[in-house]
N, C-alpha and C. Protein backbone atom coordinates (compact mmCIF):
# COMPACT_ATOMS: atom_id res chain seq x y z
N MET A 1 19.97 18.81 -9.54
CA MET A 1 21.12 19.63 -9.15
C MET A 1 20.94 21.04 -9.71
N SER A 2 21.07 22.04 -8.85
CA SER A 2 20.96 23.42 -9.29
C SER A 2 22.19 23.82 -10.10
N SER A 3 22.04 24.93 -10.83
CA SER A 3 23.19 25.40 -11.63
C SER A 3 24.36 25.79 -10.73
N HIS A 4 24.06 26.29 -9.52
CA HIS A 4 25.13 26.64 -8.58
C HIS A 4 25.88 25.41 -8.13
N ASP A 5 25.13 24.35 -7.77
CA ASP A 5 25.77 23.11 -7.32
C ASP A 5 26.58 22.48 -8.45
N TRP A 6 26.03 22.53 -9.67
CA TRP A 6 26.76 21.96 -10.81
C TRP A 6 28.05 22.72 -11.06
N GLY A 7 27.96 24.05 -10.99
CA GLY A 7 29.15 24.86 -11.20
C GLY A 7 30.21 24.61 -10.13
N ALA A 8 29.77 24.43 -8.87
CA ALA A 8 30.71 24.15 -7.79
C ALA A 8 31.38 22.80 -7.99
N MET A 9 30.61 21.81 -8.45
CA MET A 9 31.17 20.49 -8.69
C MET A 9 32.22 20.54 -9.81
N VAL A 10 31.89 21.23 -10.88
CA VAL A 10 32.82 21.33 -12.01
C VAL A 10 34.09 22.05 -11.59
N LEU A 11 33.96 23.13 -10.82
CA LEU A 11 35.13 23.86 -10.35
C LEU A 11 36.03 22.96 -9.51
N ASP A 12 35.41 22.21 -8.59
CA ASP A 12 36.20 21.28 -7.77
C ASP A 12 36.92 20.25 -8.62
N LEU A 13 36.20 19.67 -9.58
CA LEU A 13 36.79 18.64 -10.43
C LEU A 13 37.97 19.20 -11.22
N MET A 14 37.82 20.40 -11.77
CA MET A 14 38.90 20.96 -12.58
C MET A 14 40.12 21.32 -11.72
N LEU A 15 39.88 21.82 -10.50
CA LEU A 15 41.00 22.13 -9.62
C LEU A 15 41.75 20.86 -9.21
N ILE A 16 40.99 19.81 -8.90
CA ILE A 16 41.62 18.54 -8.53
C ILE A 16 42.38 17.96 -9.71
N ALA A 17 41.77 18.01 -10.90
CA ALA A 17 42.45 17.50 -12.10
C ALA A 17 43.72 18.28 -12.38
N LEU A 18 43.68 19.60 -12.21
CA LEU A 18 44.88 20.41 -12.42
C LEU A 18 45.97 20.05 -11.43
N ALA A 19 45.58 19.81 -10.18
CA ALA A 19 46.57 19.40 -9.17
C ALA A 19 47.20 18.07 -9.53
N ILE A 20 46.40 17.12 -10.03
CA ILE A 20 46.93 15.83 -10.45
C ILE A 20 47.91 16.02 -11.61
N ALA A 21 47.54 16.87 -12.56
CA ALA A 21 48.40 17.10 -13.73
C ALA A 21 49.71 17.76 -13.34
N LEU A 22 49.69 18.62 -12.32
CA LEU A 22 50.90 19.34 -11.90
C LEU A 22 51.75 18.54 -10.92
N TYR A 23 51.22 17.47 -10.38
CA TYR A 23 52.00 16.67 -9.43
C TYR A 23 53.18 16.06 -10.19
N PRO A 24 54.42 16.32 -9.77
CA PRO A 24 55.57 16.06 -10.63
C PRO A 24 56.02 14.60 -10.75
N LEU A 25 55.79 13.79 -9.73
CA LEU A 25 56.39 12.45 -9.73
C LEU A 25 55.94 11.57 -10.89
N PRO A 26 54.63 11.51 -11.22
CA PRO A 26 54.23 10.68 -12.38
C PRO A 26 54.88 11.13 -13.68
N MET A 27 54.93 12.45 -13.90
CA MET A 27 55.53 12.95 -15.14
C MET A 27 57.02 12.63 -15.21
N MET A 28 57.71 12.74 -14.09
CA MET A 28 59.14 12.43 -14.08
C MET A 28 59.39 10.97 -14.46
N ALA A 29 58.57 10.07 -13.92
CA ALA A 29 58.71 8.65 -14.27
C ALA A 29 58.31 8.41 -15.72
N PHE A 30 57.24 9.08 -16.16
CA PHE A 30 56.76 8.89 -17.52
C PHE A 30 57.80 9.30 -18.55
N ILE A 31 58.52 10.39 -18.27
CA ILE A 31 59.56 10.84 -19.20
C ILE A 31 60.62 9.76 -19.38
N LEU A 32 61.02 9.12 -18.29
CA LEU A 32 62.00 8.06 -18.40
C LEU A 32 61.44 6.85 -19.13
N VAL A 33 60.14 6.59 -18.94
CA VAL A 33 59.51 5.46 -19.63
C VAL A 33 59.51 5.68 -21.14
N VAL A 34 59.06 6.86 -21.59
CA VAL A 34 58.97 7.11 -23.03
C VAL A 34 60.34 7.31 -23.66
N SER A 35 61.35 7.58 -22.85
CA SER A 35 62.71 7.75 -23.37
C SER A 35 63.45 6.43 -23.47
N SER A 36 62.89 5.35 -22.95
CA SER A 36 63.53 4.04 -23.01
C SER A 36 63.22 3.37 -24.35
N PRO A 37 63.92 2.31 -24.71
CA PRO A 37 63.64 1.61 -25.96
C PRO A 37 62.18 1.15 -26.02
N GLY A 38 61.54 1.40 -27.16
CA GLY A 38 60.12 1.07 -27.29
C GLY A 38 59.25 1.94 -26.41
N GLY A 39 59.75 3.14 -26.11
CA GLY A 39 59.08 3.99 -25.13
C GLY A 39 57.72 4.48 -25.54
N VAL A 40 57.47 4.66 -26.84
CA VAL A 40 56.17 5.15 -27.26
C VAL A 40 55.06 4.18 -26.87
N TRP A 41 55.30 2.90 -27.10
CA TRP A 41 54.28 1.90 -26.74
C TRP A 41 54.16 1.75 -25.24
N LYS A 42 55.28 1.82 -24.54
CA LYS A 42 55.22 1.76 -23.08
C LYS A 42 54.52 2.99 -22.51
N GLY A 43 54.77 4.15 -23.13
CA GLY A 43 54.09 5.36 -22.70
C GLY A 43 52.60 5.27 -22.93
N LEU A 44 52.20 4.66 -24.05
CA LEU A 44 50.78 4.48 -24.31
C LEU A 44 50.14 3.58 -23.26
N ALA A 45 50.84 2.51 -22.90
CA ALA A 45 50.33 1.62 -21.85
C ALA A 45 50.20 2.35 -20.52
N PHE A 46 51.18 3.19 -20.22
CA PHE A 46 51.15 4.00 -19.00
C PHE A 46 49.90 4.89 -18.98
N ILE A 47 49.66 5.57 -20.09
CA ILE A 47 48.53 6.50 -20.17
C ILE A 47 47.20 5.75 -20.09
N LEU A 48 47.10 4.62 -20.79
CA LEU A 48 45.85 3.86 -20.77
C LEU A 48 45.53 3.36 -19.36
N ALA A 49 46.57 2.90 -18.65
CA ALA A 49 46.36 2.44 -17.27
C ALA A 49 45.98 3.62 -16.38
N TRP A 50 46.63 4.76 -16.60
CA TRP A 50 46.34 5.97 -15.83
C TRP A 50 44.87 6.38 -16.02
N LEU A 51 44.43 6.43 -17.29
CA LEU A 51 43.05 6.80 -17.58
C LEU A 51 42.07 5.75 -17.06
N ALA A 52 42.45 4.48 -17.17
CA ALA A 52 41.57 3.41 -16.69
C ALA A 52 41.32 3.54 -15.19
N ASN A 53 42.36 3.91 -14.44
CA ASN A 53 42.19 4.13 -13.00
C ASN A 53 41.14 5.19 -12.73
N LEU A 54 41.24 6.31 -13.44
CA LEU A 54 40.30 7.40 -13.24
C LEU A 54 38.88 6.98 -13.61
N VAL A 55 38.76 6.29 -14.74
CA VAL A 55 37.43 5.87 -15.20
C VAL A 55 36.81 4.87 -14.22
N VAL A 56 37.61 3.94 -13.72
CA VAL A 56 37.10 2.94 -12.78
C VAL A 56 36.62 3.60 -11.50
N VAL A 57 37.39 4.55 -10.98
CA VAL A 57 36.99 5.26 -9.76
C VAL A 57 35.66 5.98 -9.98
N ILE A 58 35.56 6.69 -11.11
CA ILE A 58 34.32 7.40 -11.42
C ILE A 58 33.16 6.43 -11.56
N ALA A 59 33.38 5.33 -12.26
CA ALA A 59 32.31 4.34 -12.47
C ALA A 59 31.83 3.74 -11.15
N ILE A 60 32.76 3.46 -10.25
CA ILE A 60 32.38 2.90 -8.94
C ILE A 60 31.53 3.89 -8.16
N VAL A 61 31.94 5.16 -8.16
CA VAL A 61 31.17 6.17 -7.42
C VAL A 61 29.77 6.32 -8.01
N LEU A 62 29.68 6.39 -9.34
CA LEU A 62 28.38 6.55 -9.97
C LEU A 62 27.49 5.32 -9.76
N ALA A 63 28.12 4.14 -9.70
CA ALA A 63 27.34 2.93 -9.43
C ALA A 63 26.77 2.95 -8.01
N LEU A 64 27.55 3.48 -7.07
CA LEU A 64 27.09 3.54 -5.68
C LEU A 64 25.99 4.57 -5.49
N THR A 65 26.08 5.69 -6.22
CA THR A 65 25.07 6.75 -6.06
C THR A 65 23.89 6.60 -7.01
N GLY A 66 24.04 5.73 -8.02
CA GLY A 66 22.99 5.61 -9.02
C GLY A 66 22.91 6.82 -9.92
N GLY A 67 23.95 7.64 -9.91
CA GLY A 67 23.95 8.83 -10.76
C GLY A 67 23.11 9.96 -10.20
N GLU A 68 22.66 9.84 -8.95
CA GLU A 68 21.86 10.89 -8.33
C GLU A 68 22.59 11.41 -7.09
N PRO A 69 22.90 12.70 -7.05
CA PRO A 69 23.64 13.23 -5.89
C PRO A 69 22.80 13.18 -4.62
N PRO A 70 23.39 12.77 -3.51
CA PRO A 70 22.64 12.74 -2.25
C PRO A 70 22.41 14.15 -1.73
N SER A 71 21.41 14.29 -0.89
CA SER A 71 21.15 15.58 -0.25
C SER A 71 22.34 15.95 0.64
N PRO A 72 22.74 17.24 0.65
CA PRO A 72 23.89 17.63 1.46
C PRO A 72 23.75 17.29 2.94
N ARG A 73 22.51 17.23 3.45
CA ARG A 73 22.31 16.95 4.87
C ARG A 73 21.98 15.49 5.15
N SER A 74 21.95 14.66 4.12
CA SER A 74 21.71 13.24 4.31
C SER A 74 22.98 12.57 4.81
N PRO A 75 22.89 11.40 5.45
CA PRO A 75 24.10 10.71 5.91
C PRO A 75 25.14 10.50 4.81
N PRO A 76 24.76 10.06 3.59
CA PRO A 76 25.79 9.92 2.54
C PRO A 76 26.42 11.25 2.16
N GLY A 77 25.60 12.33 2.12
CA GLY A 77 26.14 13.63 1.77
C GLY A 77 27.11 14.15 2.81
N VAL A 78 26.76 13.98 4.09
CA VAL A 78 27.64 14.42 5.17
C VAL A 78 28.92 13.58 5.17
N ALA A 79 28.78 12.28 4.93
CA ALA A 79 29.96 11.40 4.90
C ALA A 79 30.91 11.80 3.78
N ALA A 80 30.36 12.18 2.62
CA ALA A 80 31.20 12.61 1.50
C ALA A 80 31.95 13.89 1.85
N LEU A 81 31.27 14.83 2.49
CA LEU A 81 31.92 16.07 2.88
C LEU A 81 32.98 15.82 3.95
N ALA A 82 32.68 14.92 4.88
CA ALA A 82 33.66 14.59 5.92
C ALA A 82 34.90 13.95 5.31
N ALA A 83 34.68 13.08 4.32
CA ALA A 83 35.81 12.44 3.64
C ALA A 83 36.64 13.48 2.89
N LYS A 84 35.97 14.42 2.22
CA LYS A 84 36.70 15.47 1.52
C LYS A 84 37.48 16.33 2.49
N LEU A 85 36.89 16.62 3.66
CA LEU A 85 37.58 17.39 4.68
C LEU A 85 38.83 16.65 5.17
N ALA A 86 38.69 15.35 5.41
CA ALA A 86 39.83 14.56 5.87
C ALA A 86 40.94 14.55 4.84
N ILE A 87 40.59 14.43 3.57
CA ILE A 87 41.59 14.44 2.51
C ILE A 87 42.28 15.79 2.44
N GLY A 88 41.49 16.87 2.56
CA GLY A 88 42.08 18.20 2.54
C GLY A 88 43.07 18.42 3.68
N VAL A 89 42.69 17.99 4.89
CA VAL A 89 43.58 18.12 6.04
C VAL A 89 44.84 17.30 5.83
N TRP A 90 44.68 16.08 5.29
CA TRP A 90 45.84 15.23 5.04
C TRP A 90 46.79 15.87 4.02
N LEU A 91 46.23 16.46 2.96
CA LEU A 91 47.08 17.11 1.95
C LEU A 91 47.85 18.29 2.55
N VAL A 92 47.19 19.07 3.40
CA VAL A 92 47.87 20.19 4.05
C VAL A 92 49.00 19.67 4.94
N ALA A 93 48.69 18.63 5.74
CA ALA A 93 49.71 18.07 6.63
C ALA A 93 50.88 17.50 5.83
N TYR A 94 50.59 16.84 4.72
CA TYR A 94 51.65 16.28 3.89
C TYR A 94 52.50 17.39 3.27
N GLY A 95 51.82 18.47 2.81
CA GLY A 95 52.56 19.59 2.24
C GLY A 95 53.46 20.26 3.26
N VAL A 96 52.99 20.40 4.49
CA VAL A 96 53.80 21.00 5.55
C VAL A 96 55.01 20.11 5.86
N ARG A 97 54.78 18.80 5.89
CA ARG A 97 55.89 17.88 6.17
C ARG A 97 56.94 17.95 5.07
N ARG A 98 56.51 18.01 3.81
CA ARG A 98 57.47 18.12 2.70
C ARG A 98 58.22 19.45 2.77
N TYR A 99 57.53 20.50 3.20
CA TYR A 99 58.18 21.79 3.31
C TYR A 99 59.29 21.75 4.36
N ARG A 100 59.03 21.09 5.47
CA ARG A 100 60.05 20.97 6.50
C ARG A 100 61.25 20.17 6.01
N ARG A 101 60.97 19.16 5.19
CA ARG A 101 62.07 18.36 4.64
C ARG A 101 62.91 19.17 3.66
N LEU A 102 62.31 20.20 3.05
CA LEU A 102 63.06 21.05 2.13
C LEU A 102 64.22 21.72 2.84
N LYS A 103 64.00 22.16 4.08
CA LYS A 103 65.05 22.84 4.83
C LYS A 103 66.23 21.90 5.10
N VAL A 104 65.90 20.63 5.34
CA VAL A 104 66.95 19.66 5.61
C VAL A 104 67.76 19.39 4.35
N ARG A 105 67.06 19.35 3.20
CA ARG A 105 67.73 19.03 1.95
C ARG A 105 68.43 20.23 1.32
N ALA A 106 68.18 21.42 1.86
CA ALA A 106 68.73 22.62 1.24
C ALA A 106 70.25 22.61 1.20
N VAL A 107 70.88 21.92 2.16
CA VAL A 107 72.33 21.91 2.21
C VAL A 107 72.94 20.82 1.33
N ARG A 108 72.09 20.00 0.72
CA ARG A 108 72.59 18.90 -0.10
C ARG A 108 72.61 19.28 -1.56
N ASP A 109 73.43 18.61 -2.31
CA ASP A 109 73.48 18.82 -3.75
C ASP A 109 72.38 18.01 -4.39
N THR A 110 71.36 18.68 -4.96
CA THR A 110 70.22 17.98 -5.53
C THR A 110 70.33 17.78 -7.03
N THR A 111 71.43 18.23 -7.63
CA THR A 111 71.56 18.06 -9.07
C THR A 111 71.82 16.61 -9.40
N SER A 112 71.21 16.13 -10.48
CA SER A 112 71.39 14.74 -10.89
C SER A 112 71.19 14.63 -12.39
N LYS A 113 71.86 13.69 -12.96
CA LYS A 113 71.71 13.46 -14.38
C LYS A 113 70.56 12.50 -14.61
N PRO A 114 69.74 12.78 -15.63
CA PRO A 114 68.62 11.89 -15.88
C PRO A 114 69.11 10.50 -16.28
N SER A 115 68.57 9.52 -15.65
CA SER A 115 68.93 8.14 -15.97
C SER A 115 67.82 7.50 -16.79
N ARG A 116 68.10 6.35 -17.31
CA ARG A 116 67.11 5.65 -18.10
C ARG A 116 66.40 4.62 -17.22
N MET A 117 65.10 4.59 -17.37
CA MET A 117 64.32 3.64 -16.60
C MET A 117 64.05 2.42 -17.48
N GLU A 118 64.55 1.28 -17.07
CA GLU A 118 64.36 0.07 -17.86
C GLU A 118 63.05 -0.60 -17.46
N VAL A 119 62.02 -0.26 -18.18
CA VAL A 119 60.71 -0.88 -17.97
C VAL A 119 60.60 -2.01 -18.99
N GLY A 120 60.50 -3.24 -18.50
CA GLY A 120 60.62 -4.39 -19.37
C GLY A 120 59.55 -4.55 -20.41
N SER A 121 58.34 -4.09 -20.13
CA SER A 121 57.24 -4.30 -21.05
C SER A 121 56.18 -3.24 -20.84
N PRO A 122 55.24 -3.12 -21.79
CA PRO A 122 54.11 -2.20 -21.58
C PRO A 122 53.31 -2.54 -20.32
N TRP A 123 53.24 -3.82 -19.96
CA TRP A 123 52.52 -4.19 -18.74
C TRP A 123 53.20 -3.60 -17.51
N ALA A 124 54.53 -3.60 -17.52
CA ALA A 124 55.26 -3.00 -16.40
C ALA A 124 55.01 -1.50 -16.35
N ALA A 125 54.96 -0.86 -17.51
CA ALA A 125 54.67 0.57 -17.55
C ALA A 125 53.26 0.86 -17.02
N ALA A 126 52.31 -0.01 -17.36
CA ALA A 126 50.95 0.16 -16.87
C ALA A 126 50.90 0.02 -15.34
N GLY A 127 51.64 -0.95 -14.82
CA GLY A 127 51.70 -1.11 -13.37
C GLY A 127 52.32 0.09 -12.69
N LEU A 128 53.32 0.70 -13.34
CA LEU A 128 53.95 1.88 -12.78
C LEU A 128 52.96 3.04 -12.70
N ALA A 129 52.10 3.16 -13.70
CA ALA A 129 51.08 4.21 -13.68
C ALA A 129 50.15 4.06 -12.50
N VAL A 130 49.78 2.82 -12.19
CA VAL A 130 48.90 2.56 -11.05
C VAL A 130 49.58 2.96 -9.75
N LEU A 131 50.85 2.62 -9.63
CA LEU A 131 51.58 2.91 -8.39
C LEU A 131 51.80 4.41 -8.19
N LEU A 132 52.04 5.14 -9.27
CA LEU A 132 52.42 6.53 -9.15
C LEU A 132 51.26 7.51 -9.21
N GLN A 133 50.07 7.03 -9.46
CA GLN A 133 48.94 7.96 -9.48
C GLN A 133 48.75 8.55 -8.09
N PRO A 134 48.57 9.85 -7.96
CA PRO A 134 48.37 10.46 -6.64
C PRO A 134 47.00 10.13 -6.08
N TRP A 135 46.91 9.01 -5.39
CA TRP A 135 45.61 8.46 -5.00
C TRP A 135 44.86 9.34 -4.02
N GLY A 136 45.57 10.14 -3.22
CA GLY A 136 44.87 11.06 -2.34
C GLY A 136 44.05 12.07 -3.13
N MET A 137 44.62 12.58 -4.20
CA MET A 137 43.91 13.54 -5.04
C MET A 137 42.80 12.86 -5.84
N VAL A 138 43.06 11.64 -6.28
CA VAL A 138 42.02 10.88 -6.97
C VAL A 138 40.84 10.64 -6.02
N ALA A 139 41.14 10.34 -4.76
CA ALA A 139 40.08 10.14 -3.77
C ALA A 139 39.29 11.42 -3.57
N ALA A 140 39.97 12.57 -3.59
CA ALA A 140 39.27 13.85 -3.50
C ALA A 140 38.33 14.02 -4.69
N GLY A 141 38.80 13.60 -5.87
CA GLY A 141 37.92 13.64 -7.03
C GLY A 141 36.71 12.75 -6.87
N ALA A 142 36.90 11.59 -6.24
CA ALA A 142 35.79 10.66 -6.02
C ALA A 142 34.74 11.27 -5.11
N THR A 143 35.17 11.98 -4.06
CA THR A 143 34.20 12.61 -3.16
C THR A 143 33.43 13.72 -3.87
N THR A 144 34.01 14.28 -4.91
CA THR A 144 33.32 15.31 -5.69
C THR A 144 32.37 14.69 -6.70
N VAL A 145 32.77 13.56 -7.29
CA VAL A 145 31.92 12.88 -8.27
C VAL A 145 30.62 12.40 -7.63
N ILE A 146 30.61 12.22 -6.31
CA ILE A 146 29.38 11.84 -5.61
C ILE A 146 28.26 12.84 -5.91
N GLN A 147 28.63 14.08 -6.17
CA GLN A 147 27.64 15.12 -6.45
C GLN A 147 27.14 15.10 -7.90
N ALA A 148 27.68 14.21 -8.72
CA ALA A 148 27.34 14.20 -10.16
C ALA A 148 25.92 13.70 -10.38
N ASP A 149 25.21 14.39 -11.25
CA ASP A 149 23.85 14.01 -11.65
C ASP A 149 23.91 13.58 -13.11
N THR A 150 23.83 12.28 -13.34
CA THR A 150 24.00 11.75 -14.69
C THR A 150 22.76 11.93 -15.57
N SER A 151 21.71 12.55 -15.02
CA SER A 151 20.54 12.83 -15.86
C SER A 151 20.80 14.00 -16.79
N HIS A 152 21.89 14.72 -16.56
CA HIS A 152 22.26 15.85 -17.41
C HIS A 152 23.49 15.47 -18.24
N SER A 153 23.40 15.67 -19.54
CA SER A 153 24.51 15.29 -20.42
C SER A 153 25.77 16.09 -20.13
N THR A 154 25.62 17.31 -19.62
CA THR A 154 26.78 18.14 -19.33
C THR A 154 27.66 17.51 -18.23
N THR A 155 27.05 16.67 -17.40
CA THR A 155 27.82 16.01 -16.35
C THR A 155 28.89 15.11 -16.96
N TYR A 156 28.52 14.41 -18.02
CA TYR A 156 29.49 13.53 -18.68
C TYR A 156 30.63 14.34 -19.29
N LEU A 157 30.31 15.52 -19.81
CA LEU A 157 31.37 16.38 -20.35
C LEU A 157 32.32 16.83 -19.24
N ALA A 158 31.76 17.13 -18.08
CA ALA A 158 32.60 17.54 -16.95
C ALA A 158 33.51 16.40 -16.51
N LEU A 159 32.98 15.19 -16.47
CA LEU A 159 33.79 14.04 -16.06
C LEU A 159 34.86 13.73 -17.10
N LEU A 160 34.51 13.87 -18.38
CA LEU A 160 35.51 13.69 -19.44
C LEU A 160 36.59 14.74 -19.33
N GLY A 161 36.19 15.99 -19.08
CA GLY A 161 37.17 17.06 -18.91
C GLY A 161 38.10 16.81 -17.73
N PHE A 162 37.57 16.24 -16.65
CA PHE A 162 38.39 15.90 -15.50
C PHE A 162 39.47 14.89 -15.88
N CYS A 163 39.07 13.84 -16.57
CA CYS A 163 40.03 12.80 -16.96
C CYS A 163 41.10 13.35 -17.90
N LEU A 164 40.68 14.16 -18.87
CA LEU A 164 41.63 14.68 -19.85
C LEU A 164 42.59 15.69 -19.22
N LEU A 165 42.06 16.57 -18.37
CA LEU A 165 42.93 17.56 -17.74
C LEU A 165 43.93 16.89 -16.79
N ALA A 166 43.48 15.89 -16.05
CA ALA A 166 44.37 15.17 -15.14
C ALA A 166 45.47 14.43 -15.89
N SER A 167 45.23 14.12 -17.16
CA SER A 167 46.19 13.37 -17.98
C SER A 167 46.89 14.24 -19.02
N SER A 168 46.65 15.53 -18.99
CA SER A 168 47.08 16.41 -20.08
C SER A 168 48.59 16.41 -20.28
N GLY A 169 49.36 16.45 -19.21
CA GLY A 169 50.81 16.46 -19.35
C GLY A 169 51.34 15.19 -19.97
N LEU A 170 50.80 14.06 -19.55
CA LEU A 170 51.23 12.78 -20.10
C LEU A 170 50.86 12.68 -21.57
N LEU A 171 49.65 13.11 -21.92
CA LEU A 171 49.21 13.05 -23.32
C LEU A 171 50.08 13.94 -24.19
N ALA A 172 50.43 15.13 -23.69
CA ALA A 172 51.27 16.04 -24.48
C ALA A 172 52.65 15.45 -24.70
N ALA A 173 53.23 14.85 -23.67
CA ALA A 173 54.56 14.26 -23.80
C ALA A 173 54.54 13.07 -24.77
N GLU A 174 53.49 12.27 -24.70
CA GLU A 174 53.38 11.12 -25.59
C GLU A 174 53.27 11.56 -27.05
N LEU A 175 52.43 12.55 -27.31
CA LEU A 175 52.27 13.04 -28.68
C LEU A 175 53.56 13.67 -29.19
N TYR A 176 54.27 14.35 -28.33
CA TYR A 176 55.55 14.95 -28.71
C TYR A 176 56.53 13.86 -29.13
N MET A 177 56.56 12.76 -28.38
CA MET A 177 57.45 11.65 -28.72
C MET A 177 57.05 10.98 -30.02
N VAL A 178 55.77 10.95 -30.32
CA VAL A 178 55.30 10.31 -31.55
C VAL A 178 55.71 11.12 -32.77
N PHE A 179 55.54 12.43 -32.71
CA PHE A 179 55.73 13.26 -33.89
C PHE A 179 57.14 13.85 -34.02
N ALA A 180 57.88 13.94 -32.93
CA ALA A 180 59.26 14.46 -33.00
C ALA A 180 60.11 13.74 -31.97
N PRO A 181 60.37 12.45 -32.19
CA PRO A 181 61.01 11.64 -31.14
C PRO A 181 62.38 12.13 -30.69
N GLU A 182 63.23 12.52 -31.62
CA GLU A 182 64.59 12.92 -31.23
C GLU A 182 64.58 14.22 -30.42
N ALA A 183 63.88 15.22 -30.94
CA ALA A 183 63.81 16.50 -30.22
C ALA A 183 63.07 16.32 -28.90
N ALA A 184 62.03 15.51 -28.91
CA ALA A 184 61.24 15.31 -27.71
C ALA A 184 62.05 14.64 -26.61
N GLN A 185 62.81 13.63 -26.97
CA GLN A 185 63.58 12.92 -25.96
C GLN A 185 64.59 13.84 -25.28
N ASP A 186 65.27 14.64 -26.08
CA ASP A 186 66.26 15.55 -25.50
C ASP A 186 65.60 16.58 -24.60
N ARG A 187 64.52 17.19 -25.07
CA ARG A 187 63.87 18.24 -24.29
C ARG A 187 63.15 17.69 -23.07
N LEU A 188 62.54 16.53 -23.20
CA LEU A 188 61.85 15.94 -22.05
C LEU A 188 62.84 15.54 -20.96
N LEU A 189 63.98 15.00 -21.35
CA LEU A 189 64.98 14.64 -20.35
C LEU A 189 65.55 15.88 -19.66
N ARG A 190 65.72 16.95 -20.42
CA ARG A 190 66.18 18.19 -19.79
C ARG A 190 65.12 18.75 -18.86
N MET A 191 63.85 18.62 -19.26
CA MET A 191 62.76 19.06 -18.39
C MET A 191 62.72 18.23 -17.11
N ARG A 192 62.99 16.93 -17.24
CA ARG A 192 63.00 16.08 -16.06
C ARG A 192 64.13 16.47 -15.11
N THR A 193 65.28 16.83 -15.66
CA THR A 193 66.39 17.28 -14.82
C THR A 193 65.98 18.51 -14.02
N TRP A 194 65.30 19.44 -14.69
CA TRP A 194 64.82 20.64 -13.98
C TRP A 194 63.79 20.26 -12.92
N MET A 195 62.88 19.35 -13.27
CA MET A 195 61.85 18.93 -12.32
C MET A 195 62.47 18.24 -11.11
N GLU A 196 63.56 17.49 -11.33
CA GLU A 196 64.22 16.80 -10.22
C GLU A 196 64.69 17.79 -9.17
N GLY A 197 65.13 18.94 -9.60
CA GLY A 197 65.62 19.94 -8.66
C GLY A 197 64.53 20.77 -8.02
N HIS A 198 63.30 20.68 -8.55
CA HIS A 198 62.21 21.51 -8.03
C HIS A 198 60.97 20.70 -7.62
N LYS A 199 61.10 19.39 -7.60
CA LYS A 199 59.91 18.57 -7.35
C LYS A 199 59.33 18.79 -5.96
N ASP A 200 60.19 18.98 -4.97
CA ASP A 200 59.68 19.16 -3.60
C ASP A 200 58.88 20.46 -3.49
N GLU A 201 59.38 21.53 -4.09
CA GLU A 201 58.63 22.78 -4.08
C GLU A 201 57.29 22.63 -4.77
N ALA A 202 57.27 21.89 -5.89
CA ALA A 202 56.02 21.68 -6.62
C ALA A 202 55.03 20.86 -5.80
N ILE A 203 55.52 19.82 -5.13
CA ILE A 203 54.65 19.00 -4.31
C ILE A 203 54.06 19.81 -3.17
N VAL A 204 54.90 20.62 -2.52
CA VAL A 204 54.42 21.46 -1.42
C VAL A 204 53.34 22.42 -1.91
N PHE A 205 53.60 23.07 -3.03
CA PHE A 205 52.65 24.05 -3.58
C PHE A 205 51.32 23.39 -3.92
N VAL A 206 51.38 22.28 -4.65
CA VAL A 206 50.15 21.62 -5.09
C VAL A 206 49.35 21.09 -3.90
N CYS A 207 50.02 20.42 -2.97
CA CYS A 207 49.32 19.82 -1.84
C CYS A 207 48.73 20.87 -0.92
N LEU A 208 49.48 21.93 -0.64
CA LEU A 208 48.96 22.98 0.24
C LEU A 208 47.79 23.71 -0.40
N LEU A 209 47.92 24.05 -1.66
CA LEU A 209 46.86 24.81 -2.33
C LEU A 209 45.58 23.99 -2.41
N LEU A 210 45.68 22.76 -2.91
CA LEU A 210 44.49 21.93 -3.02
C LEU A 210 43.94 21.56 -1.65
N GLY A 211 44.82 21.23 -0.71
CA GLY A 211 44.39 20.85 0.62
C GLY A 211 43.63 21.96 1.33
N MET A 212 44.14 23.19 1.24
CA MET A 212 43.46 24.31 1.88
C MET A 212 42.10 24.59 1.22
N TRP A 213 42.06 24.43 -0.10
CA TRP A 213 40.78 24.64 -0.80
C TRP A 213 39.75 23.60 -0.35
N LEU A 214 40.12 22.34 -0.35
CA LEU A 214 39.19 21.28 0.04
C LEU A 214 38.77 21.43 1.50
N THR A 215 39.72 21.77 2.36
CA THR A 215 39.41 21.93 3.78
C THR A 215 38.43 23.07 4.01
N ALA A 216 38.74 24.22 3.44
CA ALA A 216 37.88 25.39 3.64
C ALA A 216 36.48 25.16 3.07
N GLN A 217 36.42 24.58 1.87
CA GLN A 217 35.13 24.37 1.25
C GLN A 217 34.30 23.35 2.02
N SER A 218 34.92 22.29 2.50
CA SER A 218 34.21 21.26 3.24
C SER A 218 33.66 21.80 4.56
N ILE A 219 34.48 22.58 5.26
CA ILE A 219 34.02 23.18 6.52
C ILE A 219 32.84 24.12 6.25
N TYR A 220 32.93 24.91 5.18
CA TYR A 220 31.84 25.82 4.84
C TYR A 220 30.55 25.06 4.56
N GLU A 221 30.63 23.98 3.80
CA GLU A 221 29.43 23.24 3.45
C GLU A 221 28.88 22.45 4.63
N LEU A 222 29.76 22.00 5.52
CA LEU A 222 29.29 21.26 6.69
C LEU A 222 28.64 22.16 7.73
N THR A 223 29.09 23.40 7.81
CA THR A 223 28.58 24.31 8.82
C THR A 223 27.58 25.31 8.29
N GLY A 224 27.46 25.37 6.94
CA GLY A 224 26.59 26.38 6.34
C GLY A 224 25.12 26.04 6.44
């Protein structure tokens, strides 16, 4: 892998990870999980399941490629780009649909008081993490990991950075609850109230931005 290809892969991974971190729905649910009784342990289970999903996806992709990126013009390389293009188009379409729904909801009262989420056990919290992970964006990450060359140690650092950045908001909230539980619970619940009123705008922004990037880049690489 050339330095240009490696840099492009890392840029894609970091942008996708940032989009995952900014996607509001998992964080909104996580705040309610860590604010419930025994929330620190449930939050830890949520994060571990979240990270496990990312690691498993990466491991599966690397197992299929053998850690060697396919040639861009080979059938696997073209298929990966086509899949990334399809994901990008889907994200754009989803963002446009959410934007149209914003106009319908504009006349409604969107204010709500944060409620408590009764998650019965850490296992339930882990299951919630699996359900709420933005799998479309994770799939976009998988199509990028296909380009990873595991013969270079820096590749592992890039993959680790992807996992940590995608989980950064959850990790920060969990640590806040561990070291300052009372202040954290109050501020996190207030943050969730704010997010509840702006989640649709955030979803539209994240999906459109990432979708247009993936679409444009995939078309460029397929036609270049």
